Amino acid sequence: MRQKHTRPLFLVAVLGLGLVIAGLSRAAPAAGQDDGDARIKIASAMSAGPTAIARDATILDGMLDDTGNFVVLREGTNGWTCLPDAPGTPHLDPMCLDQTWLGWLHAIVAHKTPDKRSLGLAYMLQGGSDASNTDPFATEPAAGDQWIASSPHVMLLQPDPLDQSVFSTDPDAGGPWIMWAGTPYEHIMMPVAEGGSVSATPAP
């Protein structure tokens, strides 16, 4: 996952339209947003997770308002939160987060240590785009490197440090791998489709 440090702040996450239409009739647009634009973002966010989760999840815009809070596109009822595709990344990457992951998201945006006392689960069923597998605050790949374009996956947070003798740190290893290993933001990327990651656009 990747985040852009601008205001409004677009988070790491992205999407193809038309995949999740069910439930859009109940979606209320955020204040100051065009109704159609809000519905497109809601559809994008919902595509990140299973329908059983996404249909009743809170939908955030991926932008911060003037008070530093995420703009809410739709209130949910099941404790999950989904965010739409972030413009500016080369591949789709919306995401659906449980409460532990939502706390992680707030922490990384604030450059604070996340609370990982509970296991966390997140879905990115459209895949993802990341500038670096080692630097959680990279906004572009290093010179000569490429974007990491991950296939559809789930992400796991656990309280204890991740064991690099058990999980690879190579996105191209073909199985689960550790992203941002050794940092407070490390997590397991677990592909749910063929191909752990694929080459994306080279850095300029």
C-alpha atoms as a PDB file:
ATOM      1  CA  MET A   1       0.000   0.000   0.000  1.00  0.00           C
ATOM      2  CA  ARG A   2       1.135   3.491  -0.759  1.00  0.00           C
ATOM      3  CA  GLN A   3       0.124   6.904   0.472  1.00  0.00           C
ATOM      4  CA  LYS A   4       0.644  10.356  -1.018  1.00  0.00           C
ATOM      5  CA  HIS A   5       1.454  13.112   1.435  1.00  0.00           C
ATOM      6  CA  THR A   6      -0.614  15.891  -0.061  1.00  0.00           C
ATOM      7  CA  ARG A   7      -3.771  17.619   1.103  1.00  0.00           C
ATOM      8  CA  PRO A   8      -6.184  16.310   0.156  1.00  0.00           C
ATOM      9  CA  LEU A   9      -4.287  13.116   0.947  1.00  0.00           C
ATOM     10  CA  PHE A  10      -4.835  10.251  -1.460  1.00  0.00           C
ATOM     11  CA  LEU A  11      -4.037   6.900   0.093  1.00  0.00           C
ATOM     12  CA  VAL A  12      -2.576   3.841  -1.405  1.00  0.00           C
ATOM     13  CA  ALA A  13      -5.524   1.999  -3.024  1.00  0.00           C
ATOM     14  CA  VAL A  14      -7.265   2.024  -6.601  1.00  0.00           C
ATOM     15  CA  LEU A  15     -10.279   0.390  -9.009  1.00  0.00           C
ATOM     16  CA  GLY A  16     -12.208  -0.738 -12.060  1.00  0.00           C
ATOM     17  CA  LEU A  17     -15.782   0.524 -12.202  1.00  0.00           C
ATOM     18  CA  GLY A  18     -18.896  -1.518 -12.577  1.00  0.00           C
ATOM     19  CA  LEU A  19     -17.780  -4.441 -10.398  1.00  0.00           C
ATOM     20  CA  VAL A  20     -19.913  -3.631  -7.382  1.00  0.00           C
ATOM     21  CA  ILE A  21     -23.237  -1.986  -8.220  1.00  0.00           C
ATOM     22  CA  ALA A  22     -25.388  -3.567  -5.532  1.00  0.00           C
ATOM     23  CA  GLY A  23     -25.991  -1.254  -2.608  1.00  0.00           C
ATOM     24  CA  LEU A  24     -25.148   1.993  -4.398  1.00  0.00           C
ATOM     25  CA  SER A  25     -28.729   3.217  -4.127  1.00  0.00           C
ATOM     26  CA  ARG A  26     -28.198   3.606  -0.373  1.00  0.00           C
ATOM     27  CA  ALA A  27     -24.972   5.546  -0.753  1.00  0.00           C
ATOM     28  CA  ALA A  28     -25.134   9.194   0.206  1.00  0.00           C
ATOM     29  CA  PRO A  29     -22.523  11.479  -1.419  1.00  0.00           C
ATOM     30  CA  ALA A  30     -20.045  13.328   0.768  1.00  0.00           C
ATOM     31  CA  ALA A  31     -20.623  17.014   1.359  1.00  0.00           C
ATOM     32  CA  GLY A  32     -19.291  19.103  -1.509  1.00  0.00           C
ATOM     33  CA  GLN A  33     -18.966  16.163  -3.884  1.00  0.00           C
ATOM     34  CA  ASP A  34     -20.891  15.493  -7.040  1.00  0.00           C
ATOM     35  CA  ASP A  35     -23.348  12.642  -6.527  1.00  0.00           C
ATOM     36  CA  GLY A  36     -21.980  10.681  -9.490  1.00  0.00           C
ATOM     37  CA  ASP A  37     -18.391  11.142  -8.357  1.00  0.00           C
ATOM     38  CA  ALA A  38     -19.221   9.829  -4.889  1.00  0.00           C
ATOM     39  CA  ARG A  39     -21.012   6.796  -6.325  1.00  0.00           C
ATOM     40  CA  ILE A  40     -18.030   5.974  -8.524  1.00  0.00           C
ATOM     41  CA  LYS A  41     -15.703   6.124  -5.513  1.00  0.00           C
ATOM     42  CA  ILE A  42     -18.066   3.955  -3.479  1.00  0.00           C
ATOM     43  CA  ALA A  43     -18.159   1.343  -6.239  1.00  0.00           C
ATOM     44  CA  SER A  44     -14.368   1.444  -6.397  1.00  0.00           C
ATOM     45  CA  ALA A  45     -14.007   0.969  -2.654  1.00  0.00           C
ATOM     46  CA  MET A  46     -16.527  -1.875  -2.536  1.00  0.00           C
ATOM     47  CA  SER A  47     -14.637  -3.798  -5.212  1.00  0.00           C
ATOM     48  CA  ALA A  48     -11.759  -4.315  -2.775  1.00  0.00           C
ATOM     49  CA  GLY A  49     -13.525  -6.843  -0.566  1.00  0.00           C
ATOM     50  CA  PRO A  50     -16.017  -9.709  -0.628  1.00  0.00           C
ATOM     51  CA  THR A  51     -19.604  -8.565  -1.183  1.00  0.00           C
ATOM     52  CA  ALA A  52     -20.650  -9.824   2.261  1.00  0.00           C
ATOM     53  CA  ILE A  53     -18.204  -7.343   3.812  1.00  0.00           C
ATOM     54  CA  ALA A  54     -18.232  -4.452   1.333  1.00  0.00           C
ATOM     55  CA  ARG A  55     -22.010  -4.014   1.127  1.00  0.00           C
ATOM     56  CA  ASP A  56     -22.281  -2.875   4.771  1.00  0.00           C
ATOM     57  CA  ALA A  57     -18.824  -1.310   5.224  1.00  0.00           C
ATOM     58  CA  THR A  58     -18.114   2.341   5.924  1.00  0.00           C
ATOM     59  CA  ILE A  59     -16.702   3.969   2.796  1.00  0.00           C
ATOM     60  CA  LEU A  60     -14.002   6.625   3.145  1.00  0.00           C
ATOM     61  CA  ASP A  61     -12.950   8.917   0.313  1.00  0.00           C
ATOM     62  CA  GLY A  62      -9.196   8.535   0.761  1.00  0.00           C
ATOM     63  CA  MET A  63      -8.895  12.296   1.293  1.00  0.00           C
ATOM     64  CA  LEU A  64      -8.515  14.292   4.476  1.00  0.00           C
ATOM     65  CA  ASP A  65     -10.821  17.187   5.276  1.00  0.00           C
ATOM     66  CA  ASP A  66      -9.731  20.478   6.836  1.00  0.00           C
ATOM     67  CA  THR A  67      -9.813  18.933  10.309  1.00  0.00           C
ATOM     68  CA  GLY A  68      -7.495  16.072   9.326  1.00  0.00           C
ATOM     69  CA  ASN A  69     -10.217  13.412   9.263  1.00  0.00           C
ATOM     70  CA  PHE A  70     -11.077  11.150   6.375  1.00  0.00           C
ATOM     71  CA  VAL A  71     -14.080  12.231   4.333  1.00  0.00           C
ATOM     72  CA  VAL A  72     -16.909   9.702   4.829  1.00  0.00           C
ATOM     73  CA  LEU A  73     -18.800   8.786   1.676  1.00  0.00           C
ATOM     74  CA  ARG A  74     -21.101   6.289   3.382  1.00  0.00           C
ATOM     75  CA  GLU A  75     -21.595   5.180   6.949  1.00  0.00           C
ATOM     76  CA  GLY A  76     -21.444   1.426   7.529  1.00  0.00           C
ATOM     77  CA  THR A  77     -22.728  -1.020  10.105  1.00  0.00           C
ATOM     78  CA  ASN A  78     -20.357  -3.995  10.191  1.00  0.00           C
ATOM     79  CA  GLY A  79     -17.093  -2.565  11.534  1.00  0.00           C
ATOM     80  CA  TRP A  80     -15.267  -2.717   8.188  1.00  0.00           C
ATOM     81  CA  THR A  81     -13.954   0.271   6.236  1.00  0.00           C
ATOM     82  CA  CYS A  82     -13.233   0.416   2.498  1.00  0.00           C
ATOM     83  CA  LEU A  83     -11.376   3.047   0.462  1.00  0.00           C
ATOM     84  CA  PRO A  84     -11.363   3.626  -3.320  1.00  0.00           C
ATOM     85  CA  ASP A  85      -8.607   3.627  -5.877  1.00  0.00           C
ATOM     86  CA  ALA A  86      -5.965   6.326  -5.410  1.00  0.00           C
ATOM     87  CA  PRO A  87      -5.241   8.348  -8.554  1.00  0.00           C
ATOM     88  CA  GLY A  88      -1.597   8.488  -9.523  1.00  0.00           C
ATOM     89  CA  THR A  89      -0.637   4.844  -9.090  1.00  0.00           C
ATOM     90  CA  PRO A  90      -0.246   2.678 -12.211  1.00  0.00           C
ATOM     91  CA  HIS A  91      -2.524  -0.181 -11.118  1.00  0.00           C
ATOM     92  CA  LEU A  92      -5.804  -0.675  -9.275  1.00  0.00           C
ATOM     93  CA  ASP A  93      -5.603  -0.849  -5.461  1.00  0.00           C
ATOM     94  CA  PRO A  94      -8.765  -0.186  -3.409  1.00  0.00           C
ATOM     95  CA  MET A  95      -8.829  -1.767   0.039  1.00  0.00           C
ATOM     96  CA  CYS A  96     -11.182  -2.985   2.781  1.00  0.00           C
ATOM     97  CA  LEU A  97      -9.869  -2.885   6.353  1.00  0.00           C
ATOM     98  CA  ASP A  98     -10.904  -4.315   9.705  1.00  0.00           C
ATOM     99  CA  GLN A  99     -10.587  -2.194  12.851  1.00  0.00           C
ATOM    100  CA  THR A 100      -6.950  -3.136  13.491  1.00  0.00           C
ATOM    101  CA  TRP A 101      -5.997  -2.184   9.966  1.00  0.00           C
ATOM    102  CA  LEU A 102      -7.956   1.064  10.176  1.00  0.00           C
ATOM    103  CA  GLY A 103      -5.884   1.999  13.226  1.00  0.00           C
ATOM    104  CA  TRP A 104      -2.759   1.057  11.253  1.00  0.00           C
ATOM    105  CA  LEU A 105      -3.870   3.363   8.445  1.00  0.00           C
ATOM    106  CA  HIS A 106      -4.332   6.314  10.780  1.00  0.00           C
ATOM    107  CA  ALA A 107      -0.919   5.576  12.309  1.00  0.00           C
ATOM    108  CA  ILE A 108       0.999   5.474   9.035  1.00  0.00           C
ATOM    109  CA  VAL A 109      -0.640   8.679   7.815  1.00  0.00           C
ATOM    110  CA  ALA A 110       0.486  10.357  11.066  1.00  0.00           C
ATOM    111  CA  HIS A 111       3.933   8.655  10.987  1.00  0.00           C
ATOM    112  CA  LYS A 112       3.134   7.023  14.330  1.00  0.00           C
ATOM    113  CA  THR A 113       3.597   3.452  15.564  1.00  0.00           C
ATOM    114  CA  PRO A 114       0.430   1.413  14.986  1.00  0.00           C
ATOM    115  CA  ASP A 115      -1.277  -0.600  17.703  1.00  0.00           C
ATOM    116  CA  LYS A 116      -0.940  -4.226  16.608  1.00  0.00           C
ATOM    117  CA  ARG A 117      -2.017  -5.986  19.795  1.00  0.00           C
ATOM    118  CA  SER A 118      -4.769  -7.726  17.794  1.00  0.00           C
ATOM    119  CA  LEU A 119      -4.560  -9.643  14.549  1.00  0.00           C
ATOM    120  CA  GLY A 120      -5.607  -7.559  11.556  1.00  0.00           C
ATOM    121  CA  LEU A 121      -7.109  -8.543   8.203  1.00  0.00           C
ATOM    122  CA  ALA A 122      -7.504  -6.463   5.046  1.00  0.00           C
ATOM    123  CA  TYR A 123      -8.601  -7.205   1.483  1.00  0.00           C
ATOM    124  CA  MET A 124      -7.202  -5.826  -1.770  1.00  0.00           C
ATOM    125  CA  LEU A 125      -9.063  -7.958  -4.298  1.00  0.00           C
ATOM    126  CA  GLN A 126      -8.196  -5.650  -7.203  1.00  0.00           C
ATOM    127  CA  GLY A 127      -4.473  -5.911  -6.429  1.00  0.00           C
ATOM    128  CA  GLY A 128      -2.221  -3.017  -5.499  1.00  0.00           C
ATOM    129  CA  SER A 129       0.540  -0.589  -6.498  1.00  0.00           C
ATOM    130  CA  ASP A 130       3.503   0.147  -4.258  1.00  0.00           C
ATOM    131  CA  ALA A 131       6.548   2.333  -4.781  1.00  0.00           C
ATOM    132  CA  SER A 132       8.772   0.260  -2.495  1.00  0.00           C
ATOM    133  CA  ASN A 133       8.723  -3.011  -0.593  1.00  0.00           C
ATOM    134  CA  THR A 134      11.165  -1.655   1.989  1.00  0.00           C
ATOM    135  CA  ASP A 135      10.257   2.016   2.530  1.00  0.00           C
ATOM    136  CA  PRO A 136       6.689   2.603   3.767  1.00  0.00           C
ATOM    137  CA  PHE A 137       6.918   6.333   2.992  1.00  0.00           C
ATOM    138  CA  ALA A 138       8.237   6.107  -0.575  1.00  0.00           C
ATOM    139  CA  THR A 139       6.018   7.974  -3.029  1.00  0.00           C
ATOM    140  CA  GLU A 140       7.937   6.938  -6.160  1.00  0.00           C
ATOM    141  CA  PRO A 141      10.184   3.962  -6.960  1.00  0.00           C
ATOM    142  CA  ALA A 142      13.895   4.524  -6.513  1.00  0.00           C
ATOM    143  CA  ALA A 143      15.799   5.422  -9.682  1.00  0.00           C
ATOM    144  CA  GLY A 144      15.923   2.384 -11.949  1.00  0.00           C
ATOM    145  CA  ASP A 145      13.331   0.451  -9.928  1.00  0.00           C
ATOM    146  CA  GLN A 146       9.758  -0.318 -10.913  1.00  0.00           C
ATOM    147  CA  TRP A 147       6.390  -0.060  -9.239  1.00  0.00           C
ATOM    148  CA  ILE A 148       5.384  -3.223  -7.405  1.00  0.00           C
ATOM    149  CA  ALA A 149       2.108  -4.313  -8.973  1.00  0.00           C
ATOM    150  CA  SER A 150       0.672  -6.989  -6.701  1.00  0.00           C
ATOM    151  CA  SER A 151      -2.031  -9.420  -7.726  1.00  0.00           C
ATOM    152  CA  PRO A 152      -5.298  -9.654  -5.694  1.00  0.00           C
ATOM    153  CA  HIS A 153      -4.361 -10.393  -2.091  1.00  0.00           C
ATOM    154  CA  VAL A 154      -5.271 -10.236   1.563  1.00  0.00           C
ATOM    155  CA  MET A 155      -3.028  -8.536   4.120  1.00  0.00           C
ATOM    156  CA  LEU A 156      -2.332  -9.746   7.637  1.00  0.00           C
ATOM    157  CA  LEU A 157      -1.092  -7.834  10.685  1.00  0.00           C
ATOM    158  CA  GLN A 158       0.109  -9.736  13.734  1.00  0.00           C
ATOM    159  CA  PRO A 159       1.280  -8.532  17.162  1.00  0.00           C
ATOM    160  CA  ASP A 160       4.725 -10.164  17.069  1.00  0.00           C
ATOM    161  CA  PRO A 161       7.546  -9.246  14.669  1.00  0.00           C
ATOM    162  CA  LEU A 162       7.366 -11.248  11.456  1.00  0.00           C
ATOM    163  CA  ASP A 163       9.864 -14.076  11.029  1.00  0.00           C
ATOM    164  CA  GLN A 164      11.844 -13.596   7.829  1.00  0.00           C
ATOM    165  CA  SER A 165      12.959 -17.226   7.968  1.00  0.00           C
ATOM    166  CA  VAL A 166       9.313 -18.229   7.480  1.00  0.00           C
ATOM    167  CA  PHE A 167       8.113 -15.605   5.011  1.00  0.00           C
ATOM    168  CA  SER A 168      10.048 -14.158   2.110  1.00  0.00           C
ATOM    169  CA  THR A 169      10.581 -10.431   1.643  1.00  0.00           C
ATOM    170  CA  ASP A 170      10.596 -10.883  -2.149  1.00  0.00           C
ATOM    171  CA  PRO A 171       7.336  -9.796  -3.841  1.00  0.00           C
ATOM    172  CA  ASP A 172       8.214 -12.013  -6.803  1.00  0.00           C
ATOM    173  CA  ALA A 173       8.784 -15.176  -4.774  1.00  0.00           C
ATOM    174  CA  GLY A 174       5.396 -16.564  -5.793  1.00  0.00           C
ATOM    175  CA  GLY A 175       3.806 -16.866  -2.367  1.00  0.00           C
ATOM    176  CA  PRO A 176       3.122 -14.802   0.754  1.00  0.00           C
ATOM    177  CA  TRP A 177       5.740 -12.172   1.476  1.00  0.00           C
ATOM    178  CA  ILE A 178       6.544  -9.495   4.043  1.00  0.00           C
ATOM    179  CA  MET A 179       6.089  -5.892   2.994  1.00  0.00           C
ATOM    180  CA  TRP A 180       8.133  -3.226   4.821  1.00  0.00           C
ATOM    181  CA  ALA A 181       9.903  -5.873   6.902  1.00  0.00           C
ATOM    182  CA  GLY A 182      11.467  -4.687  10.142  1.00  0.00           C
ATOM    183  CA  THR A 183       9.419  -1.478  10.290  1.00  0.00           C
ATOM    184  CA  PRO A 184       6.407  -0.797  12.541  1.00  0.00           C
ATOM    185  CA  TYR A 185       4.256  -1.107   9.405  1.00  0.00           C
ATOM    186  CA  GLU A 186       5.348  -4.581   8.299  1.00  0.00           C
ATOM    187  CA  HIS A 187       2.621  -6.978   7.227  1.00  0.00           C
ATOM    188  CA  ILE A 188       2.095 -10.176   5.274  1.00  0.00           C
ATOM    189  CA  MET A 189       0.923  -9.924   1.676  1.00  0.00           C
ATOM    190  CA  MET A 190      -0.927 -13.129   0.809  1.00  0.00           C
ATOM    191  CA  PRO A 191      -1.874 -13.528  -2.884  1.00  0.00           C
ATOM    192  CA  VAL A 192      -5.278 -15.008  -3.656  1.00  0.00           C
ATOM    193  CA  ALA A 193      -4.609 -15.183  -7.412  1.00  0.00           C
ATOM    194  CA  GLU A 194      -1.713 -16.380  -9.532  1.00  0.00           C
ATOM    195  CA  GLY A 195       1.420 -14.229  -9.558  1.00  0.00           C
ATOM    196  CA  GLY A 196       2.546 -12.546  -6.326  1.00  0.00           C
ATOM    197  CA  SER A 197       3.511  -9.377  -8.164  1.00  0.00           C
ATOM    198  CA  VAL A 198       4.170  -8.262 -11.705  1.00  0.00           C
ATOM    199  CA  SER A 199       6.472  -5.651 -13.170  1.00  0.00           C
ATOM    200  CA  ALA A 200       4.880  -2.250 -13.578  1.00  0.00           C
ATOM    201  CA  THR A 201       5.971   1.092 -14.947  1.00  0.00           C
ATOM    202  CA  PRO A 202       9.700   1.785 -14.530  1.00  0.00           C
ATOM    203  CA  ALA A 203      10.662   4.856 -12.542  1.00  0.00           C
ATOM    204  CA  PRO A 204      11.718   7.801 -14.742  1.00  0.00           C
END
